[in-house]
Amino acid sequence: MKKLDLLEKKLGVKFNNRQILNRALTHRSYLNEAKEKSLKSNERLEFLGDSILSFIVSDWLFQQYPQYLEGILTNLRSSLVKTDSLARMAQQLEIGDYLFLSKGEEESNGRKNPSLLADALEAVIGAIYLDQGYEASKGFILSNLQSPLEELVQSGELKDYKSLLQEKLQAEEKRSPIYKTIKEEGPDHDKKFTVGVFDEKRLLAKGIGKSKQSAEELAAKHALESKSIK
């Protein structure tokens, strides 16, 4: 069986145009040593794959977990698409074994470099999208990320912005944030709440939402993003 046949079997994708897959596996370092000058690196495919990955994961999380506020969804997505997570996925698929690398990158253990592996995986996602379309890309991503996602959810390690702000203030000030409703407006069926989060009497940030809970979450998010705390 040809080498790319083995990779396609691991990916669960049969490419129509293998040149796209080859490009996804071509690290920029390889171009300096390649005899074929028309070769291109996987960097453009990596750019495309990164966007596709983020969208598909965001869409799936939004549909799958309607009970989670934006803060938890953001943390979930970040955990799934960060370099370490993508590198583990690439290792499971053995993508590193198929990469085209320079001798120097090979000697420096590039096939096991987490950043390089994560980039290559994103490039492969971009290649699948170009060759097979959106649904194939979605199937590939979810089939490989659903298991680690479920493990993450079950671990109880998810933290929303309020939890993160609580931890930060406890660590630095030995105090807990205080949330106060500053304004409540609109009819009962379409309320809008403005909530402030305070460190004792000092206002850290405000948040506006259709519920006190969502407004508190946004206030905590804005406080973490601002310069009002260290």
Foldseek 3Di string as FASTA:
>chain_A
DDPVVLLCVLLVHDFPDCLLVLQLQEAPQLCVVDPPNPHDHLQVLLVQLLVLLLVLLLVCCVVVCVPDDPQLSVVLSCVCLPLQNLLVLLVSSQSLVVHRHDPVCVVVVVSNDSNSSSSSSSSNLSSCCVGPNNVSSSVSSCVSRVVVSVVVVVVPPGDGLQRVLQVQCCVPPVDHKDKDWPDWDDDPVAIKTKIFIDDVPHTQAIAIDSDSVNRVRVNSVSSVVDPSDD
